[in-house]
Amino acid sequence: MLKPLKSLFKKNGNDELHLRKLAILQVVPINFTIRNEQEKHSINSGFQKFLNSLDFPIQIVIGTNYINLDSYVNGLELRVEELAAKTKKPIFNQHFESYKEHLLNTIQSNSVLDRSFFIVIPEKSEIGLDVQVGVIEQQLKSLNLMFKRLNDEELTLVISSFFNDILSESDRPKTPNGVG
């Protein structure tokens, strides 16, 4: 059984909850393994400078999930069906089924994972959350990394995805179509 969210927050001496603001940035990963040695060194030293430049705490969270290509495959299937109907050539459907089977088998047999990177920024009251987020955004831009600040709905989906492995199918939150 999971603890209620309220029990995860610290209580101060008055038995009141001590809530803090935080922001979460999702950072688009880069493929480090295909970089040459000079690029790898540059990335490592840039990341080290980024971490050393901060005067407030952050958390870096890395999540791994199996790739879900359902929406991609469904969209592609619709386009293939339209093309087959327009051209009156059912061979397109046969090619698509073969491609779909190959794609799904490749993902399953190779355990292809999608990695997500997040920077969690808890508010340091003397600085302010907006200033802290601005500092992080500037540093990420200087590293040529793409990122996005998550909104409330996206935060809910991300946090719930961390628990997907321990929740039964019926306990999992339902995600809206086209998200996830």
Protein backbone atom coordinates (compact mmCIF):
# COMPACT_ATOMS: atom_id res chain seq x y z
CA MET A 1 0.00 0.00 0.00
CA LEU A 2 1.33 3.44 -0.93
CA LYS A 3 1.52 6.19 1.64
CA PRO A 4 -0.90 9.05 1.10
CA LEU A 5 0.89 11.99 -0.46
CA LYS A 6 0.32 14.07 2.68
CA SER A 7 2.44 11.68 4.74
CA LEU A 8 5.43 12.26 2.47
CA PHE A 9 5.73 15.91 3.54
CA LYS A 10 7.58 16.91 6.70
CA LYS A 11 5.58 18.25 9.57
CA ASN A 12 6.86 21.20 11.52
CA GLY A 13 6.63 21.44 15.32
CA ASN A 14 2.96 22.52 15.18
CA ASP A 15 1.94 19.35 13.33
CA GLU A 16 1.31 21.49 10.23
CA LEU A 17 2.51 20.46 6.83
CA HIS A 18 5.56 22.28 5.55
CA LEU A 19 4.95 22.57 1.80
CA ARG A 20 7.55 23.88 -0.62
CA LYS A 21 7.22 25.00 -4.19
CA LEU A 22 9.20 23.19 -6.82
CA ALA A 23 9.62 23.15 -10.57
CA ILE A 24 10.52 20.24 -12.80
CA LEU A 25 12.29 20.60 -16.12
CA GLN A 26 12.32 17.71 -18.56
CA VAL A 27 15.60 17.62 -20.46
CA VAL A 28 15.85 16.02 -23.90
CA PRO A 29 18.59 13.37 -23.81
CA ILE A 30 21.58 13.37 -26.12
CA ASN A 31 23.20 10.25 -27.56
CA PHE A 32 26.51 10.37 -25.71
CA THR A 33 27.78 7.06 -27.08
CA ILE A 34 27.98 8.27 -30.70
CA ARG A 35 30.08 11.32 -29.80
CA ASN A 36 33.81 11.45 -30.46
CA GLU A 37 36.24 11.73 -27.54
CA GLN A 38 36.62 15.51 -27.83
CA GLU A 39 32.83 16.01 -27.76
CA LYS A 40 32.50 13.63 -24.80
CA HIS A 41 35.14 15.57 -22.89
CA SER A 42 33.44 18.86 -23.73
CA ILE A 43 30.05 17.54 -22.57
CA ASN A 44 31.52 16.19 -19.33
CA SER A 45 33.37 19.40 -18.47
CA GLY A 46 30.34 21.53 -19.38
CA PHE A 47 28.11 19.43 -17.12
CA GLN A 48 30.65 19.67 -14.31
CA LYS A 49 30.73 23.46 -14.67
CA PHE A 50 26.92 23.52 -14.66
CA LEU A 51 26.75 21.60 -11.38
CA ASN A 52 29.52 23.63 -9.75
CA SER A 53 27.89 26.94 -10.72
CA LEU A 54 24.69 26.28 -8.77
CA ASP A 55 24.28 27.82 -5.31
CA PHE A 56 21.04 25.98 -4.55
CA PRO A 57 20.14 22.28 -4.48
CA ILE A 58 18.64 20.38 -7.38
CA GLN A 59 17.77 16.75 -7.98
CA ILE A 60 18.39 14.93 -11.21
CA VAL A 61 15.94 12.10 -11.83
CA ILE A 62 16.34 9.57 -14.61
CA GLY A 63 13.39 7.41 -15.57
CA THR A 64 13.35 4.47 -17.95
CA ASN A 65 10.22 3.14 -19.60
CA TYR A 66 9.53 0.69 -22.36
CA ILE A 67 8.84 2.53 -25.58
CA ASN A 68 5.15 2.77 -26.38
CA LEU A 69 4.59 3.24 -30.10
CA ASP A 70 0.84 2.62 -30.06
CA SER A 71 -0.15 6.10 -31.22
CA TYR A 72 2.59 6.11 -33.89
CA VAL A 73 1.57 2.68 -35.21
CA ASN A 74 -2.15 3.51 -35.11
CA GLY A 75 -1.62 6.78 -36.99
CA LEU A 76 0.56 5.10 -39.57
CA GLU A 77 -1.98 2.31 -39.99
CA LEU A 78 -4.73 4.84 -40.73
CA ARG A 79 -2.59 6.55 -43.37
CA VAL A 80 -1.72 3.21 -44.99
CA GLU A 81 -5.39 2.18 -45.06
CA GLU A 82 -6.32 5.50 -46.71
CA LEU A 83 -3.54 5.07 -49.28
CA ALA A 84 -4.57 1.46 -50.00
CA ALA A 85 -8.21 2.52 -50.44
CA LYS A 86 -7.29 5.47 -52.67
CA THR A 87 -4.95 3.49 -54.90
CA LYS A 88 -6.96 0.25 -54.66
CA LYS A 89 -3.74 -1.63 -53.86
CA PRO A 90 -4.10 -3.89 -50.78
CA ILE A 91 -0.39 -4.64 -50.96
CA PHE A 92 0.19 -1.52 -48.83
CA ASN A 93 -1.74 -3.13 -45.98
CA GLN A 94 0.35 -6.30 -46.26
CA HIS A 95 3.60 -4.32 -46.22
CA PHE A 96 2.40 -2.35 -43.22
CA GLU A 97 1.51 -5.50 -41.26
CA SER A 98 4.97 -6.90 -41.97
CA TYR A 99 6.61 -3.60 -40.89
CA LYS A 100 4.45 -3.42 -37.74
CA GLU A 101 5.35 -6.98 -36.75
CA HIS A 102 9.06 -6.32 -37.35
CA LEU A 103 9.00 -3.05 -35.38
CA LEU A 104 7.21 -4.52 -32.36
CA ASN A 105 9.41 -7.66 -32.35
CA THR A 106 12.56 -5.55 -32.52
CA ILE A 107 11.48 -3.40 -29.59
CA GLN A 108 10.43 -6.41 -27.52
CA SER A 109 13.44 -8.62 -28.26
CA ASN A 110 15.98 -5.84 -27.71
CA SER A 111 14.25 -4.37 -24.64
CA VAL A 112 14.37 -0.91 -26.18
CA LEU A 113 13.90 1.66 -23.43
CA ASP A 114 13.03 5.31 -23.47
CA ARG A 115 14.99 7.39 -20.99
CA SER A 116 13.61 10.55 -19.46
CA PHE A 117 15.73 13.11 -17.63
CA PHE A 118 14.28 15.57 -15.14
CA ILE A 119 15.75 18.35 -13.06
CA VAL A 120 13.79 18.96 -9.87
CA ILE A 121 14.27 22.45 -8.45
CA PRO A 122 12.97 22.99 -4.90
CA GLU A 123 12.39 26.64 -4.04
CA LYS A 124 15.03 28.29 -1.92
CA SER A 125 12.96 31.11 -0.41
CA GLU A 126 15.75 33.69 -0.29
CA ILE A 127 16.34 33.29 -4.03
CA GLY A 128 12.87 32.51 -5.40
CA LEU A 129 11.76 29.70 -7.67
CA ASP A 130 11.49 31.79 -10.84
CA VAL A 131 15.07 33.02 -10.44
CA GLN A 132 16.30 29.48 -9.80
CA VAL A 133 14.48 28.13 -12.86
CA GLY A 134 15.92 30.98 -14.94
CA VAL A 135 19.46 30.11 -13.83
CA ILE A 136 18.97 26.44 -14.71
CA GLU A 137 17.41 27.32 -18.08
CA GLN A 138 20.34 29.59 -18.98
CA GLN A 139 22.85 26.90 -18.01
CA LEU A 140 21.01 24.25 -20.05
CA LYS A 141 20.90 26.59 -23.05
CA SER A 142 24.66 27.14 -22.75
CA LEU A 143 25.08 23.36 -22.92
CA ASN A 144 22.89 23.25 -26.05
CA LEU A 145 20.35 21.05 -24.28
CA MET A 146 16.66 21.29 -25.05
CA PHE A 147 14.25 21.28 -22.12
CA LYS A 148 10.69 21.99 -21.11
CA ARG A 149 9.18 23.12 -17.83
CA LEU A 150 6.39 20.69 -16.97
CA ASN A 151 2.88 21.96 -16.27
CA ASP A 152 0.52 20.45 -13.67
CA GLU A 153 -0.96 17.81 -15.97
CA GLU A 154 2.47 16.73 -17.20
CA LEU A 155 3.76 16.58 -13.62
CA THR A 156 0.89 14.26 -12.66
CA LEU A 157 1.67 11.95 -15.58
CA VAL A 158 5.41 11.91 -14.85
CA ILE A 159 4.99 11.24 -11.15
CA SER A 160 2.43 8.50 -11.75
CA SER A 161 4.76 6.87 -14.31
CA PHE A 162 7.35 6.38 -11.56
CA PHE A 163 4.91 4.03 -9.85
CA ASN A 164 3.73 2.07 -12.88
CA ASP A 165 5.91 -0.93 -12.04
CA ILE A 166 4.52 -1.27 -8.51
CA LEU A 167 0.87 -0.47 -9.14
CA SER A 168 -1.49 -3.10 -10.44
CA GLU A 169 -3.09 -2.36 -13.80
CA SER A 170 -6.40 -1.35 -12.18
CA ASP A 171 -4.68 1.08 -9.75
CA ARG A 172 -2.79 2.97 -12.45
CA PRO A 173 -4.00 6.44 -13.36
CA LYS A 174 -5.68 6.65 -16.75
CA THR A 175 -3.71 8.81 -19.18
CA PRO A 176 -5.49 10.94 -21.74
CA ASN A 177 -5.26 9.83 -25.38
CA GLY A 178 -2.18 11.03 -27.19
CA VAL A 179 -0.16 11.52 -23.98
CA GLY A 180 2.46 9.19 -22.63
